[in-house]
């Protein structure tokens, strides 16, 4: 049984939950796999599922054009604290924008206040973080991502996994 189904039963209403969203990972996965956008409001609702939300943080990259400003505002209205940083452009034109270290630091800092950490990403770079949070911080770590683009090892070590691609009407717009 997936954690989304377990949580909908109200079985664990006292659990304190933190939700951490890797926007870039989810955006590109939804676009490449389904040619759609993620409904982050529904992702948050399913991640929490009747439990006590302590923090919900979405991590995004700002571009020089600023086209994502309205999107970040919509995330904020949906219940997320939005953290942003500028897209890095290196000599030669290579671009980089990720929040892996920031997400890791925030989850470790907040782990003492949480029973459950929901990582909304399929990025296998988070495997050592998941193992650390489970073993050293005693947190349950749940992953929400698209199965087709998620690391199989990340799925295997998570305490639970929810495939956002299984309910496209709910999680995609």
C-alpha atoms as a PDB file:
ATOM      1  CA  UNK A   1       0.000   0.000   0.000  1.00  0.00           C
ATOM      2  CA  UNK A   2       1.458   3.387  -0.913  1.00  0.00           C
ATOM      3  CA  UNK A   3       1.934   6.009   1.762  1.00  0.00           C
ATOM      4  CA  UNK A   4      -0.654   8.218   0.052  1.00  0.00           C
ATOM      5  CA  UNK A   5      -3.250   5.498   0.634  1.00  0.00           C
ATOM      6  CA  UNK A   6      -2.055   4.861   4.196  1.00  0.00           C
ATOM      7  CA  UNK A   7      -2.228   8.530   5.058  1.00  0.00           C
ATOM      8  CA  UNK A   8      -5.690   8.950   3.572  1.00  0.00           C
ATOM      9  CA  UNK A   9      -6.958   6.439   6.128  1.00  0.00           C
ATOM     10  CA  UNK A  10      -6.009   8.911   8.873  1.00  0.00           C
ATOM     11  CA  UNK A  11      -3.837   6.207  10.408  1.00  0.00           C
ATOM     12  CA  UNK A  12      -1.013   8.565  11.407  1.00  0.00           C
ATOM     13  CA  UNK A  13      -2.574  11.993  12.040  1.00  0.00           C
ATOM     14  CA  UNK A  14      -0.037  12.941  14.730  1.00  0.00           C
ATOM     15  CA  UNK A  15       2.999  12.641  12.460  1.00  0.00           C
ATOM     16  CA  UNK A  16       4.858  15.914  11.908  1.00  0.00           C
ATOM     17  CA  UNK A  17       5.647  16.300   8.222  1.00  0.00           C
ATOM     18  CA  UNK A  18       8.098  18.380   6.231  1.00  0.00           C
ATOM     19  CA  UNK A  19       7.778  18.551   2.445  1.00  0.00           C
ATOM     20  CA  UNK A  20      10.802  19.504   0.325  1.00  0.00           C
ATOM     21  CA  UNK A  21      10.291  20.010  -3.417  1.00  0.00           C
ATOM     22  CA  UNK A  22      13.037  19.966  -6.050  1.00  0.00           C
ATOM     23  CA  UNK A  23      11.133  22.141  -8.549  1.00  0.00           C
ATOM     24  CA  UNK A  24      13.580  21.713 -11.447  1.00  0.00           C
ATOM     25  CA  UNK A  25      13.560  17.916 -11.168  1.00  0.00           C
ATOM     26  CA  UNK A  26       9.763  17.769 -11.114  1.00  0.00           C
ATOM     27  CA  UNK A  27       9.308  20.393 -13.835  1.00  0.00           C
ATOM     28  CA  UNK A  28      11.569  18.642 -16.344  1.00  0.00           C
ATOM     29  CA  UNK A  29      10.262  15.169 -15.514  1.00  0.00           C
ATOM     30  CA  UNK A  30       6.649  16.247 -16.081  1.00  0.00           C
ATOM     31  CA  UNK A  31       7.535  18.125 -19.260  1.00  0.00           C
ATOM     32  CA  UNK A  32       9.606  15.328 -20.824  1.00  0.00           C
ATOM     33  CA  UNK A  33       7.409  12.395 -19.755  1.00  0.00           C
ATOM     34  CA  UNK A  34       3.933  13.906 -20.054  1.00  0.00           C
ATOM     35  CA  UNK A  35       4.303  17.294 -21.791  1.00  0.00           C
ATOM     36  CA  UNK A  36       2.484  18.826 -18.820  1.00  0.00           C
ATOM     37  CA  UNK A  37       3.194  20.762 -15.641  1.00  0.00           C
ATOM     38  CA  UNK A  38       3.046  19.527 -12.060  1.00  0.00           C
ATOM     39  CA  UNK A  39       0.101  20.497  -9.889  1.00  0.00           C
ATOM     40  CA  UNK A  40       2.185  21.318  -6.820  1.00  0.00           C
ATOM     41  CA  UNK A  41      -0.878  22.211  -4.738  1.00  0.00           C
ATOM     42  CA  UNK A  42      -2.141  18.619  -5.106  1.00  0.00           C
ATOM     43  CA  UNK A  43       1.352  17.239  -4.465  1.00  0.00           C
ATOM     44  CA  UNK A  44       1.459  19.102  -1.140  1.00  0.00           C
ATOM     45  CA  UNK A  45      -2.039  17.979  -0.187  1.00  0.00           C
ATOM     46  CA  UNK A  46      -1.177  14.320  -0.896  1.00  0.00           C
ATOM     47  CA  UNK A  47       2.207  14.555   0.817  1.00  0.00           C
ATOM     48  CA  UNK A  48       0.608  15.809   4.023  1.00  0.00           C
ATOM     49  CA  UNK A  49      -2.566  13.671   3.817  1.00  0.00           C
ATOM     50  CA  UNK A  50      -4.137  14.644   7.109  1.00  0.00           C
ATOM     51  CA  UNK A  51      -0.903  14.770   9.075  1.00  0.00           C
ATOM     52  CA  UNK A  52       0.581  17.862  10.744  1.00  0.00           C
ATOM     53  CA  UNK A  53       2.438  20.014   8.231  1.00  0.00           C
ATOM     54  CA  UNK A  54       5.409  21.694   9.893  1.00  0.00           C
ATOM     55  CA  UNK A  55       7.186  23.091   6.802  1.00  0.00           C
ATOM     56  CA  UNK A  56       6.744  22.916   3.042  1.00  0.00           C
ATOM     57  CA  UNK A  57       9.629  24.339   1.055  1.00  0.00           C
ATOM     58  CA  UNK A  58       9.938  24.500  -2.727  1.00  0.00           C
ATOM     59  CA  UNK A  59      13.366  25.188  -4.207  1.00  0.00           C
ATOM     60  CA  UNK A  60      13.584  26.989  -7.549  1.00  0.00           C
ATOM     61  CA  UNK A  61      15.969  28.696  -9.908  1.00  0.00           C
ATOM     62  CA  UNK A  62      15.534  32.287 -11.074  1.00  0.00           C
ATOM     63  CA  UNK A  63      16.439  33.221 -14.639  1.00  0.00           C
ATOM     64  CA  UNK A  64      17.539  36.630 -15.891  1.00  0.00           C
ATOM     65  CA  UNK A  65      14.203  37.009 -17.717  1.00  0.00           C
ATOM     66  CA  UNK A  66      12.225  36.458 -14.501  1.00  0.00           C
ATOM     67  CA  UNK A  67       9.460  34.489 -16.224  1.00  0.00           C
ATOM     68  CA  UNK A  68       9.117  32.208 -13.197  1.00  0.00           C
ATOM     69  CA  UNK A  69       8.055  35.065 -10.852  1.00  0.00           C
ATOM     70  CA  UNK A  70       4.308  34.339 -11.189  1.00  0.00           C
ATOM     71  CA  UNK A  71       4.901  30.614 -10.777  1.00  0.00           C
ATOM     72  CA  UNK A  72       6.811  31.184  -7.528  1.00  0.00           C
ATOM     73  CA  UNK A  73       3.963  33.420  -6.335  1.00  0.00           C
ATOM     74  CA  UNK A  74       1.435  30.673  -7.066  1.00  0.00           C
ATOM     75  CA  UNK A  75       3.541  28.182  -5.096  1.00  0.00           C
ATOM     76  CA  UNK A  76       3.585  30.581  -2.176  1.00  0.00           C
ATOM     77  CA  UNK A  77      -0.208  30.896  -2.279  1.00  0.00           C
ATOM     78  CA  UNK A  78      -0.462  27.100  -2.330  1.00  0.00           C
ATOM     79  CA  UNK A  79       1.293  26.808   1.032  1.00  0.00           C
ATOM     80  CA  UNK A  80       4.954  26.589   0.121  1.00  0.00           C
ATOM     81  CA  UNK A  81       7.821  28.653   1.392  1.00  0.00           C
ATOM     82  CA  UNK A  82       9.730  29.326  -1.828  1.00  0.00           C
ATOM     83  CA  UNK A  83      13.507  29.510  -1.838  1.00  0.00           C
ATOM     84  CA  UNK A  84      15.195  30.714  -4.992  1.00  0.00           C
ATOM     85  CA  UNK A  85      18.651  31.308  -6.307  1.00  0.00           C
ATOM     86  CA  UNK A  86      19.983  32.605  -9.595  1.00  0.00           C
ATOM     87  CA  UNK A  87      20.808  30.349 -12.506  1.00  0.00           C
ATOM     88  CA  UNK A  88      24.584  30.026 -12.759  1.00  0.00           C
ATOM     89  CA  UNK A  89      26.071  30.643 -16.192  1.00  0.00           C
ATOM     90  CA  UNK A  90      29.686  29.568 -16.616  1.00  0.00           C
ATOM     91  CA  UNK A  91      32.252  30.752 -19.152  1.00  0.00           C
ATOM     92  CA  UNK A  92      31.505  28.842 -22.324  1.00  0.00           C
ATOM     93  CA  UNK A  93      27.741  29.077 -21.775  1.00  0.00           C
ATOM     94  CA  UNK A  94      27.185  26.048 -19.547  1.00  0.00           C
ATOM     95  CA  UNK A  95      24.226  26.603 -17.207  1.00  0.00           C
ATOM     96  CA  UNK A  96      23.642  25.054 -13.819  1.00  0.00           C
ATOM     97  CA  UNK A  97      20.878  25.416 -11.320  1.00  0.00           C
ATOM     98  CA  UNK A  98      20.247  22.946  -8.563  1.00  0.00           C
ATOM     99  CA  UNK A  99      19.427  22.975  -4.901  1.00  0.00           C
ATOM    100  CA  UNK A 100      20.719  19.550  -3.813  1.00  0.00           C
ATOM    101  CA  UNK A 101      22.965  20.883  -1.056  1.00  0.00           C
ATOM    102  CA  UNK A 102      20.360  23.419   0.116  1.00  0.00           C
ATOM    103  CA  UNK A 103      17.659  20.754   0.331  1.00  0.00           C
ATOM    104  CA  UNK A 104      20.032  18.436   2.203  1.00  0.00           C
ATOM    105  CA  UNK A 105      20.986  21.112   4.727  1.00  0.00           C
ATOM    106  CA  UNK A 106      17.371  22.155   5.339  1.00  0.00           C
ATOM    107  CA  UNK A 107      16.159  18.586   5.859  1.00  0.00           C
ATOM    108  CA  UNK A 108      18.988  17.839   8.287  1.00  0.00           C
ATOM    109  CA  UNK A 109      18.366  21.093  10.205  1.00  0.00           C
ATOM    110  CA  UNK A 110      14.625  20.438  10.453  1.00  0.00           C
ATOM    111  CA  UNK A 111      14.790  16.656  11.054  1.00  0.00           C
ATOM    112  CA  UNK A 112      14.587  17.066  14.842  1.00  0.00           C
ATOM    113  CA  UNK A 113      11.161  18.709  14.471  1.00  0.00           C
ATOM    114  CA  UNK A 114       9.820  16.129  12.011  1.00  0.00           C
ATOM    115  CA  UNK A 115       8.672  12.530  12.038  1.00  0.00           C
ATOM    116  CA  UNK A 116       8.355  12.317   8.260  1.00  0.00           C
ATOM    117  CA  UNK A 117      10.336  13.988   5.513  1.00  0.00           C
ATOM    118  CA  UNK A 118       8.731  13.943   2.079  1.00  0.00           C
ATOM    119  CA  UNK A 119      11.216  14.577  -0.719  1.00  0.00           C
ATOM    120  CA  UNK A 120       9.517  15.479  -3.974  1.00  0.00           C
ATOM    121  CA  UNK A 121      12.264  14.440  -6.375  1.00  0.00           C
ATOM    122  CA  UNK A 122      13.484  11.405  -8.206  1.00  0.00           C
ATOM    123  CA  UNK A 123      17.132  12.483  -8.105  1.00  0.00           C
ATOM    124  CA  UNK A 124      19.452   9.663  -7.032  1.00  0.00           C
ATOM    125  CA  UNK A 125      21.873  12.242  -5.626  1.00  0.00           C
ATOM    126  CA  UNK A 126      19.618  12.255  -2.551  1.00  0.00           C
ATOM    127  CA  UNK A 127      20.308   8.591  -1.673  1.00  0.00           C
ATOM    128  CA  UNK A 128      22.992   9.390   0.959  1.00  0.00           C
ATOM    129  CA  UNK A 129      20.680  12.037   2.468  1.00  0.00           C
ATOM    130  CA  UNK A 130      17.781   9.587   2.731  1.00  0.00           C
ATOM    131  CA  UNK A 131      20.007   7.001   4.417  1.00  0.00           C
ATOM    132  CA  UNK A 132      21.373   9.610   6.826  1.00  0.00           C
ATOM    133  CA  UNK A 133      17.909  10.896   7.776  1.00  0.00           C
ATOM    134  CA  UNK A 134      16.616   7.375   8.375  1.00  0.00           C
ATOM    135  CA  UNK A 135      19.578   6.035  10.351  1.00  0.00           C
ATOM    136  CA  UNK A 136      20.919   9.096  12.175  1.00  0.00           C
ATOM    137  CA  UNK A 137      17.800  11.217  12.605  1.00  0.00           C
ATOM    138  CA  UNK A 138      15.150   8.491  12.932  1.00  0.00           C
ATOM    139  CA  UNK A 139      12.927  10.058  10.291  1.00  0.00           C
ATOM    140  CA  UNK A 140      10.643   8.256   7.922  1.00  0.00           C
ATOM    141  CA  UNK A 141      11.554   9.400   4.404  1.00  0.00           C
ATOM    142  CA  UNK A 142       8.922   9.263   1.695  1.00  0.00           C
ATOM    143  CA  UNK A 143       9.571  10.023  -1.968  1.00  0.00           C
ATOM    144  CA  UNK A 144       7.101  11.486  -4.447  1.00  0.00           C
ATOM    145  CA  UNK A 145       8.235  11.506  -8.075  1.00  0.00           C
ATOM    146  CA  UNK A 146       7.535  10.120 -11.517  1.00  0.00           C
ATOM    147  CA  UNK A 147       8.526   6.453 -11.524  1.00  0.00           C
ATOM    148  CA  UNK A 148       9.930   6.585 -15.072  1.00  0.00           C
ATOM    149  CA  UNK A 149      12.449   9.299 -14.184  1.00  0.00           C
ATOM    150  CA  UNK A 150      13.183   8.382 -10.565  1.00  0.00           C
ATOM    151  CA  UNK A 151      16.308   6.593  -9.390  1.00  0.00           C
ATOM    152  CA  UNK A 152      15.433   2.945  -8.709  1.00  0.00           C
ATOM    153  CA  UNK A 153      17.790   2.882  -5.704  1.00  0.00           C
ATOM    154  CA  UNK A 154      16.114   6.019  -4.283  1.00  0.00           C
ATOM    155  CA  UNK A 155      12.748   4.280  -4.603  1.00  0.00           C
ATOM    156  CA  UNK A 156      14.132   1.117  -2.968  1.00  0.00           C
ATOM    157  CA  UNK A 157      15.598   2.819   0.105  1.00  0.00           C
ATOM    158  CA  UNK A 158      12.661   5.176   0.702  1.00  0.00           C
ATOM    159  CA  UNK A 159      10.224   4.203   3.420  1.00  0.00           C
ATOM    160  CA  UNK A 160       7.530   4.739   0.822  1.00  0.00           C
ATOM    161  CA  UNK A 161       7.183   5.948  -2.733  1.00  0.00           C
ATOM    162  CA  UNK A 162       4.297   7.640  -4.534  1.00  0.00           C
ATOM    163  CA  UNK A 163       4.367   7.623  -8.336  1.00  0.00           C
ATOM    164  CA  UNK A 164       2.932  10.948  -9.471  1.00  0.00           C
ATOM    165  CA  UNK A 165       2.419   9.469 -12.922  1.00  0.00           C
ATOM    166  CA  UNK A 166      -0.213   7.026 -11.657  1.00  0.00           C
ATOM    167  CA  UNK A 167      -2.785   9.790 -11.151  1.00  0.00           C
ATOM    168  CA  UNK A 168      -2.151  12.210 -14.007  1.00  0.00           C
ATOM    169  CA  UNK A 169      -5.492  13.979 -13.606  1.00  0.00           C
ATOM    170  CA  UNK A 170      -4.612  14.862 -10.034  1.00  0.00           C
ATOM    171  CA  UNK A 171      -0.914  15.672 -10.269  1.00  0.00           C
ATOM    172  CA  UNK A 172      -0.550  17.148 -13.765  1.00  0.00           C
ATOM    173  CA  UNK A 173      -2.003  20.280 -15.355  1.00  0.00           C
END
